[in-house]
C-alpha atoms as a PDB file:
ATOM      1  CA  MET A   1       0.000   0.000   0.000  1.00  0.00           C
ATOM      2  CA  SER A   2       1.133   3.559  -0.665  1.00  0.00           C
ATOM      3  CA  GLY A   3       2.056   5.851   2.195  1.00  0.00           C
ATOM      4  CA  ALA A   4      -1.131   7.805   1.654  1.00  0.00           C
ATOM      5  CA  ASN A   5      -3.296   4.759   2.486  1.00  0.00           C
ATOM      6  CA  VAL A   6      -1.436   3.442   5.523  1.00  0.00           C
ATOM      7  CA  VAL A   7      -2.357   4.553   9.026  1.00  0.00           C
ATOM      8  CA  PRO A   8       0.923   5.439  10.779  1.00  0.00           C
ATOM      9  CA  PRO A   9       1.634   3.106  13.739  1.00  0.00           C
ATOM     10  CA  GLN A  10       2.124   6.086  16.052  1.00  0.00           C
ATOM     11  CA  ALA A  11      -1.390   7.267  15.137  1.00  0.00           C
ATOM     12  CA  LEU A  12      -2.840   3.904  16.148  1.00  0.00           C
ATOM     13  CA  ASP A  13      -0.934   4.106  19.430  1.00  0.00           C
ATOM     14  CA  ALA A  14      -2.233   7.637  20.034  1.00  0.00           C
ATOM     15  CA  THR A  15      -5.790   6.514  19.289  1.00  0.00           C
ATOM     16  CA  PHE A  16      -5.464   3.726  21.842  1.00  0.00           C
ATOM     17  CA  ARG A  17      -4.200   6.180  24.483  1.00  0.00           C
ATOM     18  CA  ILE A  18      -7.174   8.524  24.026  1.00  0.00           C
ATOM     19  CA  GLN A  19      -9.785   5.797  23.489  1.00  0.00           C
ATOM     20  CA  HIS A  20     -11.458   6.567  26.825  1.00  0.00           C
ATOM     21  CA  LEU A  21     -12.100  10.139  25.600  1.00  0.00           C
ATOM     22  CA  ILE A  22     -13.792   9.068  22.335  1.00  0.00           C
ATOM     23  CA  ARG A  23     -17.497   8.314  21.977  1.00  0.00           C
ATOM     24  CA  ARG A  24     -19.552   7.132  19.023  1.00  0.00           C
ATOM     25  CA  ILE A  25     -22.542   9.484  18.719  1.00  0.00           C
ATOM     26  CA  SER A  26     -24.769   8.639  15.758  1.00  0.00           C
ATOM     27  CA  ARG A  27     -22.556   8.842  12.654  1.00  0.00           C
ATOM     28  CA  GLN A  28     -19.599  10.565  14.226  1.00  0.00           C
ATOM     29  CA  TYR A  29     -16.703   9.791  16.510  1.00  0.00           C
ATOM     30  CA  VAL A  30     -16.410  12.575  19.065  1.00  0.00           C
ATOM     31  CA  TYR A  31     -13.250  13.325  21.021  1.00  0.00           C
ATOM     32  CA  ARG A  32     -13.346  15.607  24.046  1.00  0.00           C
ATOM     33  CA  PRO A  33     -10.542  15.994  26.585  1.00  0.00           C
ATOM     34  CA  ILE A  34     -13.227  16.702  29.209  1.00  0.00           C
ATOM     35  CA  TRP A  35     -16.744  15.283  28.946  1.00  0.00           C
ATOM     36  CA  SER A  36     -19.631  17.060  30.643  1.00  0.00           C
ATOM     37  CA  ASP A  37     -23.407  16.953  30.376  1.00  0.00           C
ATOM     38  CA  ASP A  38     -23.591  20.729  30.768  1.00  0.00           C
ATOM     39  CA  ASP A  39     -24.102  22.977  27.734  1.00  0.00           C
ATOM     40  CA  ILE A  40     -20.827  24.862  27.408  1.00  0.00           C
ATOM     41  CA  VAL A  41     -21.098  28.126  25.469  1.00  0.00           C
ATOM     42  CA  LEU A  42     -17.957  29.007  23.536  1.00  0.00           C
ATOM     43  CA  PRO A  43     -17.190  32.268  21.725  1.00  0.00           C
ATOM     44  CA  ARG A  44     -18.254  32.405  18.083  1.00  0.00           C
ATOM     45  CA  ASN A  45     -15.841  31.342  15.338  1.00  0.00           C
ATOM     46  CA  CYS A  46     -14.055  28.727  17.468  1.00  0.00           C
ATOM     47  CA  GLU A  47     -14.897  25.853  15.105  1.00  0.00           C
ATOM     48  CA  ILE A  48     -13.160  24.929  11.860  1.00  0.00           C
ATOM     49  CA  PHE A  49     -14.141  22.554   9.050  1.00  0.00           C
ATOM     50  CA  VAL A  50     -11.452  20.176   7.793  1.00  0.00           C
ATOM     51  CA  SER A  51     -11.862  18.267   4.510  1.00  0.00           C
ATOM     52  CA  GLY A  52      -9.653  16.100   2.321  1.00  0.00           C
ATOM     53  CA  LEU A  53      -8.961  13.582   5.088  1.00  0.00           C
ATOM     54  CA  PRO A  54      -8.037   9.964   4.232  1.00  0.00           C
ATOM     55  CA  ARG A  55     -10.979   7.583   4.502  1.00  0.00           C
ATOM     56  CA  ASN A  56      -9.101   5.508   7.087  1.00  0.00           C
ATOM     57  CA  VAL A  57      -8.001   8.473   9.190  1.00  0.00           C
ATOM     58  CA  VAL A  58      -8.092   7.964  12.956  1.00  0.00           C
ATOM     59  CA  LEU A  59      -8.487  10.472  15.745  1.00  0.00           C
ATOM     60  CA  GLY A  60      -4.985   9.611  16.926  1.00  0.00           C
ATOM     61  CA  GLU A  61      -3.728  11.426  13.810  1.00  0.00           C
ATOM     62  CA  LEU A  62      -5.934  14.465  14.260  1.00  0.00           C
ATOM     63  CA  VAL A  63      -5.765  15.187  17.985  1.00  0.00           C
ATOM     64  CA  PRO A  64      -1.968  15.702  18.256  1.00  0.00           C
ATOM     65  CA  LEU A  65      -1.903  17.789  15.066  1.00  0.00           C
ATOM     66  CA  PHE A  66      -4.660  20.218  16.005  1.00  0.00           C
ATOM     67  CA  ALA A  67      -3.610  20.363  19.658  1.00  0.00           C
ATOM     68  CA  ASN A  68      -0.507  22.258  18.506  1.00  0.00           C
ATOM     69  CA  PHE A  69      -2.639  25.378  18.115  1.00  0.00           C
ATOM     70  CA  GLY A  70      -4.374  25.495  21.479  1.00  0.00           C
ATOM     71  CA  GLN A  71      -6.855  23.833  23.790  1.00  0.00           C
ATOM     72  CA  ILE A  72      -9.228  21.561  21.880  1.00  0.00           C
ATOM     73  CA  PHE A  73     -12.798  21.496  23.105  1.00  0.00           C
ATOM     74  CA  GLU A  74     -14.022  18.845  20.669  1.00  0.00           C
ATOM     75  CA  ILE A  75     -13.213  17.006  17.440  1.00  0.00           C
ATOM     76  CA  ARG A  76     -16.099  15.428  15.523  1.00  0.00           C
ATOM     77  CA  LEU A  77     -15.042  12.949  12.840  1.00  0.00           C
ATOM     78  CA  MET A  78     -17.905  12.153  10.471  1.00  0.00           C
ATOM     79  CA  VAL A  79     -18.292   8.441   9.631  1.00  0.00           C
ATOM     80  CA  ASN A  80     -20.695   6.170   7.758  1.00  0.00           C
ATOM     81  CA  ILE A  81     -22.803   3.391   9.262  1.00  0.00           C
ATOM     82  CA  ALA A  82     -19.837   1.013   9.156  1.00  0.00           C
ATOM     83  CA  GLY A  83     -17.696   3.505  11.065  1.00  0.00           C
ATOM     84  CA  ASP A  84     -15.441   4.481   8.151  1.00  0.00           C
ATOM     85  CA  ALA A  85     -14.434   8.136   7.932  1.00  0.00           C
ATOM     86  CA  LYS A  86     -16.243  10.237   5.326  1.00  0.00           C
ATOM     87  CA  GLY A  87     -13.243  12.478   4.720  1.00  0.00           C
ATOM     88  CA  PHE A  88     -14.076  15.479   6.877  1.00  0.00           C
ATOM     89  CA  CYS A  89     -14.279  16.563  10.486  1.00  0.00           C
ATOM     90  CA  TYR A  90     -14.990  19.565  12.704  1.00  0.00           C
ATOM     91  CA  VAL A  91     -12.452  20.853  15.218  1.00  0.00           C
ATOM     92  CA  THR A  92     -13.620  23.179  17.992  1.00  0.00           C
ATOM     93  CA  TYR A  93     -11.174  25.196  20.080  1.00  0.00           C
ATOM     94  CA  THR A  94     -11.822  27.151  23.255  1.00  0.00           C
ATOM     95  CA  GLN A  95     -10.770  30.459  21.646  1.00  0.00           C
ATOM     96  CA  LYS A  96     -11.310  31.815  18.137  1.00  0.00           C
ATOM     97  CA  GLU A  97      -7.655  32.916  17.808  1.00  0.00           C
ATOM     98  CA  MET A  98      -6.621  29.265  18.068  1.00  0.00           C
ATOM     99  CA  ALA A  99      -9.018  28.326  15.262  1.00  0.00           C
ATOM    100  CA  LEU A 100      -7.737  31.114  13.013  1.00  0.00           C
ATOM    101  CA  ASN A 101      -4.122  30.101  13.631  1.00  0.00           C
ATOM    102  CA  ALA A 102      -4.925  26.484  12.755  1.00  0.00           C
ATOM    103  CA  ILE A 103      -6.641  27.564   9.524  1.00  0.00           C
ATOM    104  CA  GLN A 104      -3.731  29.749   8.460  1.00  0.00           C
ATOM    105  CA  THR A 105      -1.150  27.045   9.189  1.00  0.00           C
ATOM    106  CA  LEU A 106      -2.857  23.797   8.158  1.00  0.00           C
ATOM    107  CA  HIS A 107      -4.767  24.800   5.012  1.00  0.00           C
ATOM    108  CA  GLY A 108      -2.926  22.804   2.345  1.00  0.00           C
ATOM    109  CA  TYR A 109      -1.029  20.646   4.859  1.00  0.00           C
ATOM    110  CA  LYS A 110      -0.345  16.994   3.953  1.00  0.00           C
ATOM    111  CA  LEU A 111      -1.501  14.751   6.756  1.00  0.00           C
ATOM    112  CA  ARG A 112       0.363  11.765   5.309  1.00  0.00           C
ATOM    113  CA  GLN A 113       3.354  11.380   3.065  1.00  0.00           C
ATOM    114  CA  ASN A 114       2.244  11.278  -0.588  1.00  0.00           C
ATOM    115  CA  GLY A 115      -1.316  12.047   0.526  1.00  0.00           C
ATOM    116  CA  GLN A 116      -3.526  14.865  -0.683  1.00  0.00           C
ATOM    117  CA  PRO A 117      -3.438  18.185   1.188  1.00  0.00           C
ATOM    118  CA  ILE A 118      -6.217  18.887   3.647  1.00  0.00           C
ATOM    119  CA  SER A 119      -8.384  22.005   3.513  1.00  0.00           C
ATOM    120  CA  CYS A 120      -9.262  24.060   6.594  1.00  0.00           C
ATOM    121  CA  TYR A 121     -12.035  26.655   6.640  1.00  0.00           C
ATOM    122  CA  PRO A 122     -14.034  28.512   9.277  1.00  0.00           C
ATOM    123  CA  SER A 123     -17.084  26.487  10.287  1.00  0.00           C
ATOM    124  CA  PHE A 124     -20.392  28.205  10.833  1.00  0.00           C
ATOM    125  CA  ASN A 125     -21.887  26.695  13.969  1.00  0.00           C
ATOM    126  CA  ASN A 126     -25.259  28.246  13.262  1.00  0.00           C
ATOM    127  CA  ARG A 127     -27.129  29.081  16.456  1.00  0.00           C
ATOM    128  CA  ARG A 128     -29.602  31.550  14.941  1.00  0.00           C
ATOM    129  CA  LEU A 129     -33.112  31.144  13.573  1.00  0.00           C
ATOM    130  CA  PHE A 130     -34.959  33.683  11.468  1.00  0.00           C
ATOM    131  CA  PHE A 131     -38.520  34.404  12.663  1.00  0.00           C
ATOM    132  CA  GLU A 132     -41.088  36.040  10.387  1.00  0.00           C
ATOM    133  CA  GLY A 133     -44.587  37.276  11.200  1.00  0.00           C
ATOM    134  CA  LEU A 134     -44.177  38.587  14.750  1.00  0.00           C
ATOM    135  CA  PRO A 135     -46.899  41.071  15.828  1.00  0.00           C
ATOM    136  CA  LEU A 136     -46.043  44.763  15.781  1.00  0.00           C
ATOM    137  CA  ASP A 137     -49.113  45.776  17.775  1.00  0.00           C
ATOM    138  CA  ARG A 138     -47.476  44.394  20.917  1.00  0.00           C
ATOM    139  CA  ASN A 139     -44.693  45.907  22.962  1.00  0.00           C
ATOM    140  CA  PRO A 140     -41.315  44.606  21.678  1.00  0.00           C
ATOM    141  CA  THR A 141     -40.322  43.729  25.238  1.00  0.00           C
ATOM    142  CA  LEU A 142     -43.468  41.590  25.544  1.00  0.00           C
ATOM    143  CA  VAL A 143     -42.724  39.862  22.232  1.00  0.00           C
ATOM    144  CA  GLU A 144     -39.177  39.077  23.335  1.00  0.00           C
ATOM    145  CA  TYR A 145     -40.452  37.808  26.690  1.00  0.00           C
ATOM    146  CA  ALA A 146     -42.939  35.517  24.912  1.00  0.00           C
ATOM    147  CA  ILE A 147     -40.174  34.080  22.736  1.00  0.00           C
ATOM    148  CA  ARG A 148     -37.872  33.475  25.699  1.00  0.00           C
ATOM    149  CA  THR A 149     -40.556  31.824  27.842  1.00  0.00           C
ATOM    150  CA  GLN A 150     -41.960  29.549  25.120  1.00  0.00           C
ATOM    151  CA  ILE A 151     -38.664  28.370  23.657  1.00  0.00           C
ATOM    152  CA  PRO A 152     -35.782  26.944  25.722  1.00  0.00           C
ATOM    153  CA  GLY A 153     -32.201  28.006  25.165  1.00  0.00           C
ATOM    154  CA  VAL A 154     -32.791  31.517  23.766  1.00  0.00           C
ATOM    155  CA  VAL A 155     -29.972  33.914  24.651  1.00  0.00           C
ATOM    156  CA  LYS A 156     -30.663  36.875  22.345  1.00  0.00           C
ATOM    157  CA  VAL A 157     -33.562  38.279  20.311  1.00  0.00           C
ATOM    158  CA  ILE A 158     -32.922  40.925  17.636  1.00  0.00           C
ATOM    159  CA  LEU A 159     -36.214  42.431  16.411  1.00  0.00           C
ATOM    160  CA  LEU A 160     -36.540  44.105  13.008  1.00  0.00           C
ATOM    161  CA  THR A 161     -39.459  45.692  11.165  1.00  0.00           C
ATOM    162  CA  ALA A 162     -40.721  45.006   7.642  1.00  0.00           C
ATOM    163  CA  ASN A 163     -43.425  47.217   6.120  1.00  0.00           C
ATOM    164  CA  THR A 164     -44.499  44.639   3.568  1.00  0.00           C
ATOM    165  CA  GLU A 165     -47.850  43.835   5.129  1.00  0.00           C
ATOM    166  CA  ASN A 166     -50.819  45.828   6.363  1.00  0.00           C
ATOM    167  CA  PRO A 167     -50.467  45.979   9.318  1.00  0.00           C
ATOM    168  CA  PRO A 168     -46.671  45.664   9.114  1.00  0.00           C
ATOM    169  CA  TYR A 169     -45.077  42.704  10.826  1.00  0.00           C
ATOM    170  CA  ALA A 170     -41.852  42.137  12.674  1.00  0.00           C
ATOM    171  CA  LEU A 171     -38.912  39.909  11.910  1.00  0.00           C
ATOM    172  CA  ALA A 172     -36.334  38.586  14.340  1.00  0.00           C
ATOM    173  CA  PHE A 173     -32.997  36.866  14.493  1.00  0.00           C
ATOM    174  CA  VAL A 174     -33.202  34.558  17.517  1.00  0.00           C
ATOM    175  CA  GLU A 175     -29.887  33.328  18.884  1.00  0.00           C
ATOM    176  CA  PHE A 176     -29.713  30.139  20.951  1.00  0.00           C
ATOM    177  CA  LEU A 177     -27.334  28.748  23.507  1.00  0.00           C
ATOM    178  CA  THR A 178     -26.167  26.026  21.116  1.00  0.00           C
ATOM    179  CA  HIS A 179     -26.839  24.786  17.598  1.00  0.00           C
ATOM    180  CA  ARG A 180     -28.689  21.854  19.145  1.00  0.00           C
ATOM    181  CA  HIS A 181     -31.184  24.194  20.836  1.00  0.00           C
ATOM    182  CA  ALA A 182     -31.805  25.959  17.515  1.00  0.00           C
ATOM    183  CA  ALA A 183     -32.235  22.661  15.665  1.00  0.00           C
ATOM    184  CA  ASN A 184     -34.619  21.345  18.340  1.00  0.00           C
ATOM    185  CA  CYS A 185     -36.751  24.483  18.059  1.00  0.00           C
ATOM    186  CA  LEU A 186     -36.880  24.109  14.296  1.00  0.00           C
ATOM    187  CA  GLY A 187     -37.785  20.440  14.623  1.00  0.00           C
ATOM    188  CA  ASP A 188     -40.545  21.145  17.141  1.00  0.00           C
ATOM    189  CA  TYR A 189     -42.162  24.139  15.466  1.00  0.00           C
ATOM    190  CA  ALA A 190     -41.088  24.503  11.820  1.00  0.00           C
ATOM    191  CA  PRO A 191     -42.319  25.686   9.498  1.00  0.00           C
ATOM    192  CA  ASN A 192     -45.175  27.567  11.214  1.00  0.00           C
ATOM    193  CA  ASN A 193     -46.434  25.671  14.257  1.00  0.00           C
ATOM    194  CA  LEU A 194     -45.284  28.290  16.761  1.00  0.00           C
ATOM    195  CA  ARG A 195     -47.612  31.044  17.985  1.00  0.00           C
ATOM    196  CA  ILE A 196     -46.239  34.198  19.602  1.00  0.00           C
ATOM    197  CA  CYS A 197     -48.813  36.617  21.029  1.00  0.00           C
ATOM    198  CA  GLY A 198     -51.514  34.905  18.984  1.00  0.00           C
ATOM    199  CA  ARG A 199     -49.716  35.057  15.628  1.00  0.00           C
ATOM    200  CA  ARG A 200     -48.435  32.049  13.739  1.00  0.00           C
ATOM    201  CA  ILE A 201     -44.698  32.409  13.140  1.00  0.00           C
ATOM    202  CA  ASN A 202     -42.684  31.210  10.161  1.00  0.00           C
ATOM    203  CA  MET A 203     -39.142  30.171  10.965  1.00  0.00           C
ATOM    204  CA  GLU A 204     -36.014  28.880   9.287  1.00  0.00           C
ATOM    205  CA  PHE A 205     -32.301  28.777   9.953  1.00  0.00           C
ATOM    206  CA  ALA A 206     -30.769  32.211   9.586  1.00  0.00           C
ATOM    207  CA  VAL A 207     -27.964  32.724   7.114  1.00  0.00           C
ATOM    208  CA  PRO A 208     -24.773  32.016   9.093  1.00  0.00           C
ATOM    209  CA  SER A 209     -22.892  35.107  10.154  1.00  0.00           C
ATOM    210  CA  PRO A 210     -19.573  35.504   8.300  1.00  0.00           C
ATOM    211  CA  PRO A 211     -16.737  35.085  10.798  1.00  0.00           C
ATOM    212  CA  TYR A 212     -14.721  38.149   9.802  1.00  0.00           C
ATOM    213  CA  ILE A 213     -16.653  41.265   8.818  1.00  0.00           C
ATOM    214  CA  ARG A 214     -14.616  44.369   8.049  1.00  0.00           C
ATOM    215  CA  ASN A 215     -15.522  47.879   6.924  1.00  0.00           C
ATOM    216  CA  ASN A 216     -14.535  46.995   3.354  1.00  0.00           C
ATOM    217  CA  LEU A 217     -17.683  45.173   2.167  1.00  0.00           C
ATOM    218  CA  LEU A 218     -19.829  46.949  -0.410  1.00  0.00           C
ATOM    219  CA  LEU A 219     -23.205  45.552  -1.481  1.00  0.00           C
ATOM    220  CA  LEU A 220     -24.638  46.567  -4.856  1.00  0.00           C
ATOM    221  CA  LYS A 221     -28.348  46.159  -5.617  1.00  0.00           C
ATOM    222  CA  SER A 222     -30.562  46.839  -8.644  1.00  0.00           C
ATOM    223  CA  LEU A 223     -27.866  45.858 -11.133  1.00  0.00           C
ATOM    224  CA  PRO A 224     -28.998  44.675 -14.585  1.00  0.00           C
ATOM    225  CA  ARG A 225     -29.753  40.962 -14.250  1.00  0.00           C
ATOM    226  CA  ASN A 226     -28.083  40.113 -17.564  1.00  0.00           C
ATOM    227  CA  LEU A 227     -24.887  41.960 -16.630  1.00  0.00           C
ATOM    228  CA  THR A 228     -22.093  39.404 -16.214  1.00  0.00           C
ATOM    229  CA  LYS A 229     -19.514  39.551 -13.461  1.00  0.00           C
ATOM    230  CA  MET A 230     -16.758  40.187 -16.016  1.00  0.00           C
ATOM    231  CA  GLU A 231     -18.701  43.061 -17.584  1.00  0.00           C
ATOM    232  CA  MET A 232     -19.322  44.559 -14.145  1.00  0.00           C
ATOM    233  CA  LEU A 233     -15.644  44.335 -13.198  1.00  0.00           C
ATOM    234  CA  THR A 234     -14.583  45.806 -16.536  1.00  0.00           C
ATOM    235  CA  ASP A 235     -16.848  48.809 -15.955  1.00  0.00           C
ATOM    236  CA  LEU A 236     -15.526  49.205 -12.406  1.00  0.00           C
ATOM    237  CA  VAL A 237     -11.878  49.095 -13.513  1.00  0.00           C
ATOM    238  CA  ARG A 238     -12.564  51.891 -15.990  1.00  0.00           C
ATOM    239  CA  MET A 239     -14.490  53.897 -13.421  1.00  0.00           C
ATOM    240  CA  LEU A 240     -12.323  53.623 -10.306  1.00  0.00           C
ATOM    241  CA  PRO A 241      -9.007  55.469  -9.839  1.00  0.00           C
ATOM    242  CA  ASP A 242      -5.865  53.386 -10.291  1.00  0.00           C
ATOM    243  CA  PRO A 243      -4.960  52.820  -6.592  1.00  0.00           C
ATOM    244  CA  ILE A 244      -8.396  51.319  -5.826  1.00  0.00           C
ATOM    245  CA  ARG A 245      -8.307  47.517  -5.911  1.00  0.00           C
ATOM    246  CA  ILE A 246     -11.138  44.996  -5.559  1.00  0.00           C
ATOM    247  CA  ALA A 247      -9.909  42.006  -3.551  1.00  0.00           C
ATOM    248  CA  LYS A 248     -12.872  39.688  -4.219  1.00  0.00           C
ATOM    249  CA  SER A 249     -16.220  39.966  -5.976  1.00  0.00           C
ATOM    250  CA  PHE A 250     -19.507  38.125  -6.452  1.00  0.00           C
ATOM    251  CA  LYS A 251     -22.351  38.816  -8.907  1.00  0.00           C
ATOM    252  CA  CYS A 252     -25.684  37.041  -9.240  1.00  0.00           C
ATOM    253  CA  GLY A 253     -28.920  38.476 -10.597  1.00  0.00           C
ATOM    254  CA  PRO A 254     -29.396  42.091  -9.463  1.00  0.00           C
ATOM    255  CA  TYR A 255     -26.913  41.713  -6.570  1.00  0.00           C
ATOM    256  CA  ALA A 256     -23.159  42.008  -6.244  1.00  0.00           C
ATOM    257  CA  MET A 257     -20.826  42.015  -3.262  1.00  0.00           C
ATOM    258  CA  LEU A 258     -17.406  43.624  -3.494  1.00  0.00           C
ATOM    259  CA  ARG A 259     -14.633  43.323  -0.944  1.00  0.00           C
ATOM    260  CA  PHE A 260     -11.953  45.985  -1.133  1.00  0.00           C
ATOM    261  CA  ARG A 261      -8.470  45.983   0.349  1.00  0.00           C
ATOM    262  CA  SER A 262      -9.253  48.821   2.736  1.00  0.00           C
ATOM    263  CA  GLU A 263     -12.149  50.782   4.188  1.00  0.00           C
ATOM    264  CA  ASN A 264     -11.014  53.921   2.350  1.00  0.00           C
ATOM    265  CA  ASP A 265     -11.067  52.096  -1.003  1.00  0.00           C
ATOM    266  CA  ALA A 266     -14.622  50.931  -0.289  1.00  0.00           C
ATOM    267  CA  LEU A 267     -15.745  54.476   0.616  1.00  0.00           C
ATOM    268  CA  VAL A 268     -14.233  55.988  -2.534  1.00  0.00           C
ATOM    269  CA  ALA A 269     -15.752  53.257  -4.713  1.00  0.00           C
ATOM    270  CA  ARG A 270     -19.197  53.704  -3.143  1.00  0.00           C
ATOM    271  CA  ASN A 271     -19.182  57.447  -3.838  1.00  0.00           C
ATOM    272  CA  ILE A 272     -18.116  56.955  -7.461  1.00  0.00           C
ATOM    273  CA  ILE A 273     -20.678  54.203  -8.085  1.00  0.00           C
ATOM    274  CA  ASN A 274     -23.426  56.327  -6.504  1.00  0.00           C
ATOM    275  CA  GLU A 275     -22.536  59.166  -8.853  1.00  0.00           C
ATOM    276  CA  HIS A 276     -22.100  57.244 -12.105  1.00  0.00           C
ATOM    277  CA  GLY A 277     -24.023  53.991 -11.609  1.00  0.00           C
ATOM    278  CA  ILE A 278     -23.216  50.781 -13.477  1.00  0.00           C
ATOM    279  CA  ARG A 279     -25.235  50.724 -16.704  1.00  0.00           C
ATOM    280  CA  GLY A 280     -27.995  52.419 -14.753  1.00  0.00           C
ATOM    281  CA  PRO A 281     -28.677  53.564 -11.178  1.00  0.00           C
ATOM    282  CA  VAL A 282     -27.321  51.276  -8.452  1.00  0.00           C
ATOM    283  CA  ILE A 283     -28.185  51.030  -4.761  1.00  0.00           C
ATOM    284  CA  THR A 284     -25.063  50.703  -2.611  1.00  0.00           C
ATOM    285  CA  LYS A 285     -24.625  49.660   1.013  1.00  0.00           C
ATOM    286  CA  LEU A 286     -21.391  49.767   3.007  1.00  0.00           C
ATOM    287  CA  PHE A 287     -21.414  47.649   6.166  1.00  0.00           C
ATOM    288  CA  ASP A 288     -19.882  48.914   9.395  1.00  0.00           C
ATOM    289  CA  PHE A 289     -17.670  46.708  11.533  1.00  0.00           C
ATOM    290  CA  ASN A 290     -20.078  46.530  14.488  1.00  0.00           C
ATOM    291  CA  GLU A 291     -23.140  44.574  15.620  1.00  0.00           C
ATOM    292  CA  PHE A 292     -25.577  46.814  13.738  1.00  0.00           C
ATOM    293  CA  GLY A 293     -23.569  46.425  10.535  1.00  0.00           C
ATOM    294  CA  GLU A 294     -23.522  42.663  11.001  1.00  0.00           C
ATOM    295  CA  ILE A 295     -27.316  42.522  11.411  1.00  0.00           C
ATOM    296  CA  GLU A 296     -27.780  44.684   8.304  1.00  0.00           C
ATOM    297  CA  LEU A 297     -25.537  42.313   6.370  1.00  0.00           C
ATOM    298  CA  LEU A 298     -27.386  39.240   7.663  1.00  0.00           C
ATOM    299  CA  TRP A 299     -30.761  40.731   6.729  1.00  0.00           C
ATOM    300  CA  ASN A 300     -29.567  41.382   3.166  1.00  0.00           C
ATOM    301  CA  LEU A 301     -28.112  37.869   2.930  1.00  0.00           C
ATOM    302  CA  GLN A 302     -31.428  36.474   4.188  1.00  0.00           C
ATOM    303  CA  ILE A 303     -33.265  38.332   1.403  1.00  0.00           C
ATOM    304  CA  MET A 304     -30.838  36.919  -1.168  1.00  0.00           C
ATOM    305  CA  LYS A 305     -31.379  33.425   0.227  1.00  0.00           C
ATOM    306  CA  ARG A 306     -35.112  33.790  -0.500  1.00  0.00           C
ATOM    307  CA  GLU A 307     -34.129  34.386  -4.132  1.00  0.00           C
ATOM    308  CA  ASN A 308     -31.821  31.328  -4.092  1.00  0.00           C
ATOM    309  CA  ILE A 309     -28.731  33.543  -4.133  1.00  0.00           C
ATOM    310  CA  ARG A 310     -25.987  32.481  -1.750  1.00  0.00           C
ATOM    311  CA  ILE A 311     -22.755  34.429  -1.511  1.00  0.00           C
ATOM    312  CA  PRO A 312     -19.742  32.090  -1.172  1.00  0.00           C
ATOM    313  CA  TYR A 313     -18.193  32.632   2.233  1.00  0.00           C
ATOM    314  CA  ARG A 314     -14.710  32.643   0.766  1.00  0.00           C
ATOM    315  CA  LEU A 315     -15.572  36.210  -0.184  1.00  0.00           C
ATOM    316  CA  PHE A 316     -15.357  37.039   3.511  1.00  0.00           C
ATOM    317  CA  VAL A 317     -12.560  34.775   4.736  1.00  0.00           C
ATOM    318  CA  GLU A 318     -10.073  33.961   1.975  1.00  0.00           C
ATOM    319  CA  ASP A 319      -7.524  36.530   3.169  1.00  0.00           C
ATOM    320  CA  TYR A 320      -7.148  34.589   6.387  1.00  0.00           C
ATOM    321  CA  TYR A 321      -5.607  31.364   5.107  1.00  0.00           C
END
C-alpha cells in the first residue's frame, strides 16, 4: 500500500491512548478531553471545518496535530454506518484565535506522506433562527419575553421591522445557547407551528454570520440581471481610480458584493458608483464593523437566500488562510 493509504503506527498508538475520551454518537466519533453533560457556550468562530482527510483516518492522527494550536474542546469525525471516515471533520477550540491560527497554518497541509493536502475553513456553527410574522401591535419587550418563555435556550432576540404587510409585521434573528437548541426548536415548530402573542410564526435557519466582517464590504443592488460579473468588473476598472483595488467579488442576478483591500477604497468606490451607476442607477450599502452592521448584512443575505442567491463565504474569509 502507498504511504497515503497506511495509518501510521504512532497514530494507532495515540488513538489507543485517548480511546477513553472518544465516543460514538450517531454517525460521528467525538473526542473531548473533558466530557460534561452541561451545555458549554464558547465564543463564536471557534470551530473549523477540515476536509480532504483519508478515509481511514483515525483520531490519533488528528488530535496531536490540532492540539498544537491550542486547547481543543471537541473534534467530531464524520463516519458512515460502518464507522469508516467520510473524509471530513470539525475541530472546535476554546478560543477563536486558536481556530484562526490552525486555519492559516494547516490549510494545504499533507496529513500523510504522498497524501492529498487537507483544507481548513471557518465552520459556521449556526445558532440563529430567522422568525417572520411577529406582531407589531405588541410591545417589543413583551414579544421578546414571549419568545424566551416559550422556547428553551434563547440567549438573544434581535427584532426588526418590515413594512411589507398591512399591518406591518416584525422579523427577528433569535440566537440560541447552542446549535442543538436551535435545531430542536426548528424540529418542534417549523415551518409555522409556533404562535407568539396569537400570531403564527414562520421560521427557518438564519444565514450564518460571516466570521470576519470588516468595513470593506460593499453591497450593490438593482444591477442589470443580464450583466455578467466580467462586464461589471470591466466597468468598475474603468471607473475607479488606479490605486483602488477589488480584492474579491460576487455577482448574481441584481446583486453584487465587493470586498476591497481597505475601508477607504470601499468608501471611494461607493461614492463613485453612486454618482455614475453601473449601466444604470445602483443602490449601494457599506457595512460597518459593528453589531448593527452585522445585522444589516445578515438581513440582506437572508433576502438573497429567498431568491436562491448564496454568496460564497470565501468572499469574507479567503484573506485569512
